[in-house]
C-alpha atoms as a PDB file:
ATOM      1  CA  MET A   1       0.000   0.000   0.000  1.00  0.00           C
ATOM      2  CA  VAL A   2       1.253   3.482  -0.854  1.00  0.00           C
ATOM      3  CA  ARG A   3       1.324   6.098   1.874  1.00  0.00           C
ATOM      4  CA  ARG A   4       0.211   8.923  -0.385  1.00  0.00           C
ATOM      5  CA  GLY A   5      -0.084   9.986  -3.979  1.00  0.00           C
ATOM      6  CA  ALA A   6       1.765  12.874  -5.576  1.00  0.00           C
ATOM      7  CA  TYR A   7      -1.021  15.352  -4.904  1.00  0.00           C
ATOM      8  CA  GLY A   8      -2.601  13.754  -1.873  1.00  0.00           C
ATOM      9  CA  LEU A   9      -4.555  11.324  -4.039  1.00  0.00           C
ATOM     10  CA  ARG A  10      -5.027   7.656  -3.330  1.00  0.00           C
ATOM     11  CA  MET A  11      -3.172   5.078  -5.386  1.00  0.00           C
ATOM     12  CA  ILE A  12      -4.461   4.665  -8.938  1.00  0.00           C
ATOM     13  CA  SER A  13      -4.987   1.100 -10.146  1.00  0.00           C
ATOM     14  CA  PRO A  14      -3.453   0.146 -13.526  1.00  0.00           C
ATOM     15  CA  PRO A  15      -5.899   1.245 -16.242  1.00  0.00           C
ATOM     16  CA  SER A  16      -7.390  -0.981 -18.903  1.00  0.00           C
ATOM     17  CA  SER A  17      -5.976   1.321 -21.572  1.00  0.00           C
ATOM     18  CA  ALA A  18      -2.529   2.512 -20.545  1.00  0.00           C
ATOM     19  CA  ARG A  19      -2.061   4.614 -23.654  1.00  0.00           C
ATOM     20  CA  THR A  20      -5.249   6.602 -23.015  1.00  0.00           C
ATOM     21  CA  MET A  21      -4.622   7.053 -19.300  1.00  0.00           C
ATOM     22  CA  LEU A  22      -0.956   8.051 -19.675  1.00  0.00           C
ATOM     23  CA  ASP A  23      -1.390  10.552 -22.495  1.00  0.00           C
ATOM     24  CA  SER A  24      -1.471  13.219 -19.784  1.00  0.00           C
ATOM     25  CA  ALA A  25       1.928  13.980 -18.254  1.00  0.00           C
ATOM     26  CA  GLU A  26       0.213  14.835 -14.971  1.00  0.00           C
ATOM     27  CA  VAL A  27      -1.496  11.441 -14.800  1.00  0.00           C
ATOM     28  CA  ALA A  28       1.776   9.716 -15.677  1.00  0.00           C
ATOM     29  CA  ALA A  29       3.461  11.630 -12.833  1.00  0.00           C
ATOM     30  CA  ARG A  30       0.832  10.379 -10.389  1.00  0.00           C
ATOM     31  CA  HIS A  31       1.468   6.797 -11.445  1.00  0.00           C
ATOM     32  CA  LEU A  32       5.208   7.330 -11.089  1.00  0.00           C
ATOM     33  CA  ALA A  33       4.710   8.810  -7.623  1.00  0.00           C
ATOM     34  CA  ASP A  34       2.717   5.782  -6.535  1.00  0.00           C
ATOM     35  CA  ALA A  35       5.313   3.441  -8.013  1.00  0.00           C
ATOM     36  CA  VAL A  36       8.390   5.024  -6.414  1.00  0.00           C
ATOM     37  CA  SER A  37       6.612   5.333  -3.057  1.00  0.00           C
ATOM     38  CA  ALA A  38       5.784   1.633  -3.059  1.00  0.00           C
ATOM     39  CA  ALA A  39       9.257   0.722  -4.316  1.00  0.00           C
ATOM     40  CA  GLY A  40      10.809   2.956  -1.680  1.00  0.00           C
ATOM     41  CA  ALA A  41       8.926   1.089   1.025  1.00  0.00           C
ATOM     42  CA  VAL A  42      10.451  -2.153  -0.269  1.00  0.00           C
ATOM     43  CA  ALA A  43      13.945  -0.645  -0.233  1.00  0.00           C
ATOM     44  CA  LEU A  44      13.488   0.946   3.194  1.00  0.00           C
ATOM     45  CA  ALA A  45      12.440  -2.346   4.756  1.00  0.00           C
ATOM     46  CA  MET A  46      15.616  -3.945   3.434  1.00  0.00           C
ATOM     47  CA  PHE A  47      17.719  -0.929   4.469  1.00  0.00           C
ATOM     48  CA  ARG A  48      16.500  -1.171   8.047  1.00  0.00           C
ATOM     49  CA  THR A  49      17.559  -4.790   8.382  1.00  0.00           C
ATOM     50  CA  GLY A  50      21.187  -3.694   8.018  1.00  0.00           C
ATOM     51  CA  ASP A  51      21.945  -7.002   6.325  1.00  0.00           C
ATOM     52  CA  VAL A  52      21.718  -6.627   2.557  1.00  0.00           C
ATOM     53  CA  SER A  53      24.039  -8.518   0.227  1.00  0.00           C
ATOM     54  CA  SER A  54      26.152  -6.408  -2.103  1.00  0.00           C
ATOM     55  CA  TRP A  55      28.744  -6.860  -4.832  1.00  0.00           C
ATOM     56  CA  PHE A  56      30.508  -4.874  -7.546  1.00  0.00           C
ATOM     57  CA  LYS A  57      29.639  -4.723 -11.215  1.00  0.00           C
ATOM     58  CA  ASN A  58      32.231  -4.780 -13.989  1.00  0.00           C
ATOM     59  CA  ASN A  59      32.562  -0.991 -13.868  1.00  0.00           C
ATOM     60  CA  ASN A  60      33.408  -1.164 -10.142  1.00  0.00           C
ATOM     61  CA  SER A  61      30.018   0.289  -9.272  1.00  0.00           C
ATOM     62  CA  PRO A  62      28.337  -1.252  -6.216  1.00  0.00           C
ATOM     63  CA  VAL A  63      24.984  -2.994  -6.389  1.00  0.00           C
ATOM     64  CA  THR A  64      22.873  -4.602  -3.672  1.00  0.00           C
ATOM     65  CA  GLU A  65      20.050  -7.092  -3.587  1.00  0.00           C
ATOM     66  CA  ALA A  66      17.805  -4.108  -2.803  1.00  0.00           C
ATOM     67  CA  ASP A  67      18.732  -2.488  -6.152  1.00  0.00           C
ATOM     68  CA  ILE A  68      17.702  -5.667  -7.935  1.00  0.00           C
ATOM     69  CA  ALA A  69      14.485  -6.116  -5.954  1.00  0.00           C
ATOM     70  CA  VAL A  70      13.380  -2.529  -6.592  1.00  0.00           C
ATOM     71  CA  ASP A  71      14.290  -2.766 -10.267  1.00  0.00           C
ATOM     72  CA  ARG A  72      12.085  -5.843 -10.687  1.00  0.00           C
ATOM     73  CA  PHE A  73       9.261  -4.210  -8.746  1.00  0.00           C
ATOM     74  CA  LEU A  74       9.301  -1.048 -10.842  1.00  0.00           C
ATOM     75  CA  ARG A  75       9.651  -2.852 -14.141  1.00  0.00           C
ATOM     76  CA  GLU A  76       6.628  -5.034 -13.446  1.00  0.00           C
ATOM     77  CA  ARG A  77       4.628  -2.068 -12.179  1.00  0.00           C
ATOM     78  CA  LEU A  78       5.420   0.395 -14.949  1.00  0.00           C
ATOM     79  CA  MET A  79       5.547  -1.976 -17.907  1.00  0.00           C
ATOM     80  CA  THR A  80       2.151  -3.336 -16.869  1.00  0.00           C
ATOM     81  CA  LEU A  81       0.844   0.208 -17.150  1.00  0.00           C
ATOM     82  CA  ALA A  82       2.274   0.691 -20.632  1.00  0.00           C
ATOM     83  CA  PRO A  83       3.667  -2.465 -22.269  1.00  0.00           C
ATOM     84  CA  ASP A  84       4.468  -0.591 -25.483  1.00  0.00           C
ATOM     85  CA  TYR A  85       6.836   1.884 -23.800  1.00  0.00           C
ATOM     86  CA  GLY A  86      10.584   1.371 -23.742  1.00  0.00           C
ATOM     87  CA  TRP A  87      12.581   0.596 -20.616  1.00  0.00           C
ATOM     88  CA  LEU A  88      15.954   1.914 -19.423  1.00  0.00           C
ATOM     89  CA  SER A  89      17.241   1.115 -15.943  1.00  0.00           C
ATOM     90  CA  GLU A  90      20.647   0.961 -14.319  1.00  0.00           C
ATOM     91  CA  GLU A  91      19.987  -2.599 -13.159  1.00  0.00           C
ATOM     92  CA  THR A  92      18.473  -4.051 -16.352  1.00  0.00           C
ATOM     93  CA  ALA A  93      20.539  -5.107 -19.355  1.00  0.00           C
ATOM     94  CA  ASP A  94      20.096  -2.408 -21.981  1.00  0.00           C
ATOM     95  CA  SER A  95      18.244  -3.210 -25.192  1.00  0.00           C
ATOM     96  CA  PRO A  96      18.284  -1.235 -28.469  1.00  0.00           C
ATOM     97  CA  ASP A  97      14.533  -1.789 -28.593  1.00  0.00           C
ATOM     98  CA  ARG A  98      14.046   1.363 -26.498  1.00  0.00           C
ATOM     99  CA  LEU A  99      15.520   3.500 -29.281  1.00  0.00           C
ATOM    100  CA  SER A 100      12.479   2.874 -31.474  1.00  0.00           C
ATOM    101  CA  ARG A 101      10.002   3.897 -28.757  1.00  0.00           C
ATOM    102  CA  MET A 102       8.584   7.406 -28.521  1.00  0.00           C
ATOM    103  CA  ARG A 103       8.141   7.001 -24.761  1.00  0.00           C
ATOM    104  CA  VAL A 104      10.567   5.304 -22.384  1.00  0.00           C
ATOM    105  CA  TRP A 105      10.493   4.626 -18.634  1.00  0.00           C
ATOM    106  CA  VAL A 106      13.880   5.684 -17.195  1.00  0.00           C
ATOM    107  CA  VAL A 107      14.567   4.272 -13.746  1.00  0.00           C
ATOM    108  CA  ASP A 108      17.273   4.198 -11.106  1.00  0.00           C
ATOM    109  CA  PRO A 109      16.086   1.663  -8.500  1.00  0.00           C
ATOM    110  CA  ILE A 110      18.433   3.084  -5.863  1.00  0.00           C
ATOM    111  CA  ASP A 111      20.353   6.237  -6.717  1.00  0.00           C
ATOM    112  CA  GLY A 112      23.091   6.582  -4.139  1.00  0.00           C
ATOM    113  CA  THR A 113      23.786   2.897  -3.535  1.00  0.00           C
ATOM    114  CA  ARG A 114      26.946   3.726  -1.576  1.00  0.00           C
ATOM    115  CA  ALA A 115      24.855   5.846   0.799  1.00  0.00           C
ATOM    116  CA  PHE A 116      22.360   2.987   1.130  1.00  0.00           C
ATOM    117  CA  MET A 117      25.171   0.557   1.968  1.00  0.00           C
ATOM    118  CA  ALA A 118      26.689   2.970   4.499  1.00  0.00           C
ATOM    119  CA  GLY A 119      23.406   3.520   6.323  1.00  0.00           C
ATOM    120  CA  GLY A 120      23.071   7.106   5.115  1.00  0.00           C
ATOM    121  CA  GLU A 121      19.901   9.004   4.300  1.00  0.00           C
ATOM    122  CA  ASP A 122      20.916  10.471   0.926  1.00  0.00           C
ATOM    123  CA  TRP A 123      19.672   7.700  -1.381  1.00  0.00           C
ATOM    124  CA  THR A 124      16.549   7.743  -3.506  1.00  0.00           C
ATOM    125  CA  VAL A 125      14.290   5.845  -5.874  1.00  0.00           C
ATOM    126  CA  SER A 126      14.083   7.735  -9.153  1.00  0.00           C
ATOM    127  CA  ALA A 127      11.780   7.290 -12.158  1.00  0.00           C
ATOM    128  CA  ALA A 128      10.831   9.383 -15.173  1.00  0.00           C
ATOM    129  CA  LEU A 129       8.823   9.066 -18.357  1.00  0.00           C
ATOM    130  CA  VAL A 130      10.799  10.349 -21.331  1.00  0.00           C
ATOM    131  CA  GLU A 131       9.105  11.349 -24.578  1.00  0.00           C
ATOM    132  CA  ALA A 132      11.046  12.274 -27.728  1.00  0.00           C
ATOM    133  CA  GLY A 133      14.238  12.690 -25.726  1.00  0.00           C
ATOM    134  CA  ARG A 134      12.943  14.793 -22.814  1.00  0.00           C
ATOM    135  CA  PRO A 135      11.318  13.899 -19.454  1.00  0.00           C
ATOM    136  CA  ILE A 136       7.618  14.746 -19.257  1.00  0.00           C
ATOM    137  CA  ALA A 137       6.799  13.143 -15.886  1.00  0.00           C
ATOM    138  CA  ALA A 138       9.003  12.428 -12.900  1.00  0.00           C
ATOM    139  CA  ALA A 139       8.975  11.160  -9.346  1.00  0.00           C
ATOM    140  CA  LEU A 140      11.796  10.925  -6.836  1.00  0.00           C
ATOM    141  CA  PHE A 141      11.395   9.394  -3.384  1.00  0.00           C
ATOM    142  CA  ALA A 142      13.860   9.693  -0.494  1.00  0.00           C
ATOM    143  CA  PRO A 143      12.568   6.992   1.898  1.00  0.00           C
ATOM    144  CA  VAL A 144      14.704   7.796   4.955  1.00  0.00           C
ATOM    145  CA  THR A 145      13.673  11.457   5.036  1.00  0.00           C
ATOM    146  CA  ASP A 146      10.187  10.674   3.712  1.00  0.00           C
ATOM    147  CA  GLU A 147      10.343  13.177   0.844  1.00  0.00           C
ATOM    148  CA  LEU A 148       8.357  12.579  -2.330  1.00  0.00           C
ATOM    149  CA  PHE A 149       9.141  14.901  -5.239  1.00  0.00           C
ATOM    150  CA  VAL A 150       6.855  14.940  -8.287  1.00  0.00           C
ATOM    151  CA  ALA A 151       6.806  16.947 -11.514  1.00  0.00           C
ATOM    152  CA  SER A 152       4.998  16.965 -14.840  1.00  0.00           C
ATOM    153  CA  ALA A 153       5.851  19.002 -17.922  1.00  0.00           C
ATOM    154  CA  GLY A 154       4.070  22.320 -17.581  1.00  0.00           C
ATOM    155  CA  GLY A 155       2.534  21.268 -14.266  1.00  0.00           C
ATOM    156  CA  GLY A 156       5.142  22.452 -11.791  1.00  0.00           C
ATOM    157  CA  ALA A 157       7.131  20.569  -9.164  1.00  0.00           C
ATOM    158  CA  ARG A 158       6.143  19.568  -5.633  1.00  0.00           C
ATOM    159  CA  ARG A 159       7.604  18.023  -2.511  1.00  0.00           C
ATOM    160  CA  ASN A 160       5.088  16.122  -0.407  1.00  0.00           C
ATOM    161  CA  GLY A 161       2.344  17.946  -2.244  1.00  0.00           C
ATOM    162  CA  GLN A 162       3.726  21.469  -1.741  1.00  0.00           C
ATOM    163  CA  PRO A 163       5.100  23.568  -4.639  1.00  0.00           C
ATOM    164  CA  ILE A 164       8.871  24.020  -4.755  1.00  0.00           C
ATOM    165  CA  GLN A 165      10.972  26.632  -6.507  1.00  0.00           C
ATOM    166  CA  ALA A 166      14.676  27.116  -7.146  1.00  0.00           C
ATOM    167  CA  GLY A 167      16.435  30.080  -5.577  1.00  0.00           C
ATOM    168  CA  THR A 168      16.775  33.486  -7.196  1.00  0.00           C
ATOM    169  CA  ARG A 169      20.401  34.177  -6.228  1.00  0.00           C
ATOM    170  CA  ALA A 170      22.374  35.704  -9.115  1.00  0.00           C
ATOM    171  CA  GLU A 171      25.950  35.660  -7.709  1.00  0.00           C
ATOM    172  CA  LEU A 172      28.290  32.831  -6.733  1.00  0.00           C
ATOM    173  CA  ASP A 173      29.520  34.677  -3.641  1.00  0.00           C
ATOM    174  CA  GLY A 174      27.728  33.056  -0.711  1.00  0.00           C
ATOM    175  CA  ALA A 175      26.161  30.334  -2.881  1.00  0.00           C
ATOM    176  CA  ALA A 176      25.562  26.892  -1.360  1.00  0.00           C
ATOM    177  CA  ILE A 177      27.210  24.338  -3.660  1.00  0.00           C
ATOM    178  CA  SER A 178      27.420  20.531  -3.610  1.00  0.00           C
ATOM    179  CA  GLY A 179      29.329  18.240  -5.909  1.00  0.00           C
ATOM    180  CA  PRO A 180      32.612  16.385  -6.424  1.00  0.00           C
ATOM    181  CA  ALA A 181      35.448  17.956  -4.450  1.00  0.00           C
ATOM    182  CA  GLN A 182      37.556  18.943  -7.461  1.00  0.00           C
ATOM    183  CA  MET A 183      34.664  20.806  -9.081  1.00  0.00           C
ATOM    184  CA  VAL A 184      33.676  22.591  -5.881  1.00  0.00           C
ATOM    185  CA  ASP A 185      37.340  23.514  -5.314  1.00  0.00           C
ATOM    186  CA  HIS A 186      37.447  25.017  -8.797  1.00  0.00           C
ATOM    187  CA  LEU A 187      34.473  27.256  -8.066  1.00  0.00           C
ATOM    188  CA  ALA A 188      35.803  28.107  -4.607  1.00  0.00           C
ATOM    189  CA  MET A 189      38.890  29.645  -6.232  1.00  0.00           C
ATOM    190  CA  ARG A 190      36.609  32.156  -7.962  1.00  0.00           C
ATOM    191  CA  ALA A 191      34.080  33.032  -5.274  1.00  0.00           C
ATOM    192  CA  GLY A 192      33.357  32.852  -1.562  1.00  0.00           C
ATOM    193  CA  ILE A 193      30.990  29.911  -1.789  1.00  0.00           C
ATOM    194  CA  LEU A 194      29.356  27.911   0.987  1.00  0.00           C
ATOM    195  CA  ARG A 195      30.712  24.411   0.466  1.00  0.00           C
ATOM    196  CA  GLN A 196      28.062  21.783   1.239  1.00  0.00           C
ATOM    197  CA  PRO A 197      28.520  18.010   1.752  1.00  0.00           C
ATOM    198  CA  ARG A 198      28.333  16.028  -1.485  1.00  0.00           C
ATOM    199  CA  VAL A 199      24.849  14.532  -1.690  1.00  0.00           C
ATOM    200  CA  ARG A 200      25.574  10.966  -2.773  1.00  0.00           C
ATOM    201  CA  SER A 201      22.358  10.542  -4.737  1.00  0.00           C
ATOM    202  CA  LEU A 202      22.983  12.695  -7.802  1.00  0.00           C
ATOM    203  CA  ALA A 203      19.242  12.895  -8.424  1.00  0.00           C
ATOM    204  CA  LEU A 204      18.697  14.256  -4.926  1.00  0.00           C
ATOM    205  CA  ARG A 205      21.655  16.645  -5.251  1.00  0.00           C
ATOM    206  CA  ILE A 206      20.068  18.227  -8.328  1.00  0.00           C
ATOM    207  CA  THR A 207      16.634  18.228  -6.720  1.00  0.00           C
ATOM    208  CA  ARG A 208      18.012  20.194  -3.763  1.00  0.00           C
ATOM    209  CA  VAL A 209      18.460  23.014  -6.302  1.00  0.00           C
ATOM    210  CA  ALA A 210      14.751  22.707  -7.091  1.00  0.00           C
ATOM    211  CA  THR A 211      13.948  23.276  -3.407  1.00  0.00           C
ATOM    212  CA  ALA A 212      16.511  26.117  -3.061  1.00  0.00           C
ATOM    213  CA  GLU A 213      18.415  24.154  -0.392  1.00  0.00           C
ATOM    214  CA  LEU A 214      21.346  24.280  -2.794  1.00  0.00           C
ATOM    215  CA  ASP A 215      22.161  27.103  -5.170  1.00  0.00           C
ATOM    216  CA  VAL A 216      24.356  24.964  -7.422  1.00  0.00           C
ATOM    217  CA  ALA A 217      24.700  21.206  -7.915  1.00  0.00           C
ATOM    218  CA  LEU A 218      27.595  19.791  -9.937  1.00  0.00           C
ATOM    219  CA  ALA A 219      28.426  16.413 -11.456  1.00  0.00           C
ATOM    220  CA  THR A 220      31.440  15.111 -13.330  1.00  0.00           C
ATOM    221  CA  GLY A 221      31.142  13.405 -16.690  1.00  0.00           C
ATOM    222  CA  ASN A 222      29.873   9.982 -15.721  1.00  0.00           C
ATOM    223  CA  ALA A 223      26.130  10.457 -15.186  1.00  0.00           C
ATOM    224  CA  HIS A 224      23.619   8.297 -17.046  1.00  0.00           C
ATOM    225  CA  ASP A 225      20.007   8.936 -17.998  1.00  0.00           C
ATOM    226  CA  TRP A 226      18.733   7.016 -14.992  1.00  0.00           C
ATOM    227  CA  ASP A 227      20.733   9.222 -12.592  1.00  0.00           C
ATOM    228  CA  ILE A 228      19.272  12.508 -13.769  1.00  0.00           C
ATOM    229  CA  ALA A 229      16.106  12.265 -15.920  1.00  0.00           C
ATOM    230  CA  ALA A 230      13.657  12.692 -13.034  1.00  0.00           C
ATOM    231  CA  ALA A 231      15.732  15.407 -11.345  1.00  0.00           C
ATOM    232  CA  ASP A 232      16.068  17.275 -14.642  1.00  0.00           C
ATOM    233  CA  LEU A 233      12.312  17.725 -14.923  1.00  0.00           C
ATOM    234  CA  LEU A 234      11.982  18.567 -11.221  1.00  0.00           C
ATOM    235  CA  VAL A 235      14.506  21.396 -11.428  1.00  0.00           C
ATOM    236  CA  GLN A 236      13.117  22.626 -14.748  1.00  0.00           C
ATOM    237  CA  GLU A 237       9.584  22.833 -13.362  1.00  0.00           C
ATOM    238  CA  ALA A 238      10.960  24.588 -10.265  1.00  0.00           C
ATOM    239  CA  HIS A 239      12.409  27.366 -12.454  1.00  0.00           C
ATOM    240  CA  GLY A 240      15.976  26.099 -12.588  1.00  0.00           C
ATOM    241  CA  PHE A 241      18.257  24.581 -15.197  1.00  0.00           C
ATOM    242  CA  LEU A 242      20.260  21.391 -15.589  1.00  0.00           C
ATOM    243  CA  THR A 243      22.622  21.422 -18.548  1.00  0.00           C
ATOM    244  CA  GLY A 244      25.966  20.263 -19.817  1.00  0.00           C
ATOM    245  CA  LEU A 245      28.817  22.727 -20.219  1.00  0.00           C
ATOM    246  CA  ASP A 246      27.352  23.823 -23.552  1.00  0.00           C
ATOM    247  CA  GLY A 247      24.339  25.227 -21.705  1.00  0.00           C
ATOM    248  CA  ARG A 248      21.858  23.217 -23.755  1.00  0.00           C
ATOM    249  CA  PRO A 249      19.023  21.019 -22.421  1.00  0.00           C
ATOM    250  CA  LEU A 250      19.983  17.372 -22.104  1.00  0.00           C
ATOM    251  CA  THR A 251      18.671  14.728 -24.478  1.00  0.00           C
ATOM    252  CA  TYR A 252      17.628  11.306 -23.171  1.00  0.00           C
ATOM    253  CA  ASN A 253      17.227   7.852 -24.675  1.00  0.00           C
ATOM    254  CA  ALA A 254      20.239   8.183 -26.959  1.00  0.00           C
ATOM    255  CA  THR A 255      22.229   5.160 -28.118  1.00  0.00           C
ATOM    256  CA  VAL A 256      24.720   5.798 -25.303  1.00  0.00           C
ATOM    257  CA  PRO A 257      22.660   7.188 -22.377  1.00  0.00           C
ATOM    258  CA  ARG A 258      25.562   8.987 -20.765  1.00  0.00           C
ATOM    259  CA  HIS A 259      26.326  12.659 -20.162  1.00  0.00           C
ATOM    260  CA  GLY A 260      29.288  14.938 -19.632  1.00  0.00           C
ATOM    261  CA  VAL A 261      29.911  17.468 -16.879  1.00  0.00           C
ATOM    262  CA  LEU A 262      26.623  18.798 -15.481  1.00  0.00           C
ATOM    263  CA  VAL A 263      25.686  22.078 -13.831  1.00  0.00           C
ATOM    264  CA  SER A 264      22.340  22.770 -12.159  1.00  0.00           C
ATOM    265  CA  ALA A 265      21.281  26.101 -10.684  1.00  0.00           C
ATOM    266  CA  GLY A 266      18.424  28.548 -10.507  1.00  0.00           C
ATOM    267  CA  ARG A 267      17.805  30.544 -13.654  1.00  0.00           C
ATOM    268  CA  ALA A 268      19.467  33.729 -12.403  1.00  0.00           C
ATOM    269  CA  LEU A 269      22.674  31.930 -11.352  1.00  0.00           C
ATOM    270  CA  HIS A 270      23.006  29.209 -13.964  1.00  0.00           C
ATOM    271  CA  GLU A 271      25.024  31.080 -16.584  1.00  0.00           C
ATOM    272  CA  THR A 272      27.474  32.356 -13.974  1.00  0.00           C
ATOM    273  CA  ALA A 273      27.893  28.887 -12.467  1.00  0.00           C
ATOM    274  CA  LEU A 274      28.269  27.397 -15.930  1.00  0.00           C
ATOM    275  CA  SER A 275      31.017  29.835 -16.874  1.00  0.00           C
ATOM    276  CA  ALA A 276      32.877  29.099 -13.645  1.00  0.00           C
ATOM    277  CA  ALA A 277      32.608  25.331 -14.113  1.00  0.00           C
ATOM    278  CA  ARG A 278      33.754  25.142 -17.738  1.00  0.00           C
ATOM    279  CA  GLY A 279      36.927  23.143 -18.175  1.00  0.00           C
ATOM    280  CA  ASP A 280      36.344  20.725 -15.262  1.00  0.00           C
ATOM    281  CA  THR A 281      36.156  17.015 -15.982  1.00  0.00           C
ATOM    282  CA  GLY A 282      36.193  13.867 -13.896  1.00  0.00           C
ATOM    283  CA  SER A 283      34.866  10.357 -13.525  1.00  0.00           C
ATOM    284  CA  GLN A 284      32.487  10.008 -10.590  1.00  0.00           C
ATOM    285  CA  PRO A 285      29.180  11.915 -10.572  1.00  0.00           C
END
């Protein structure tokens, strides 16, 4: 059972016609909110046991049995809603079939697996619906802090049902910034910033810009679609930006779903932060 829906609504049962019901980005966002809330409850129960098996993938990235369990849960839930949509998840073998689909579910079962393994609170369940290369519906759930973020294209962004908005700061001096140490150091050389701890869930780090808890969120060039698609829409609908160093909106569901250096900030600060960050590269988001 889900604790709440995105807008205080009860859980919506899978419709008989997924295409008709999900044509609306707002309705799709509600389904995503229900799905990540339920999946987050699964992950949180495993997290609280303190005894979850883990191992490393070929790219030296950690994975736990909770990642796999949540991935299976979300795939069954979302693909039942819309069997003709594509699927892209960190914990599912990629298939070129998604490239021919106009709409694709993009999922990170647990974003911030290292935080999950360490008993931290900065891990999330992230899911988005991408259409023609851009997210149109998104939900992000942080189970430990009980925060549910939801956005739909043109419909705004909310946390636990309340509207959120990025900050209006226009200068880097005094800005609260989170990201990899080398990138934050680079900006610190140019301005008197307020260095914040690196939020280990990249999706949550970007979303903290959407709530104005951070002024700037940074990531090195190793983020994938599943890390950022939901957060991208959340910050966009909260009047902020997430871009690469070229300043352009990101495109999703490409052949290689990977991105370069990323900068997220409120609209008034983004160009300044982008200029300061140009030239930085790295390997861990």
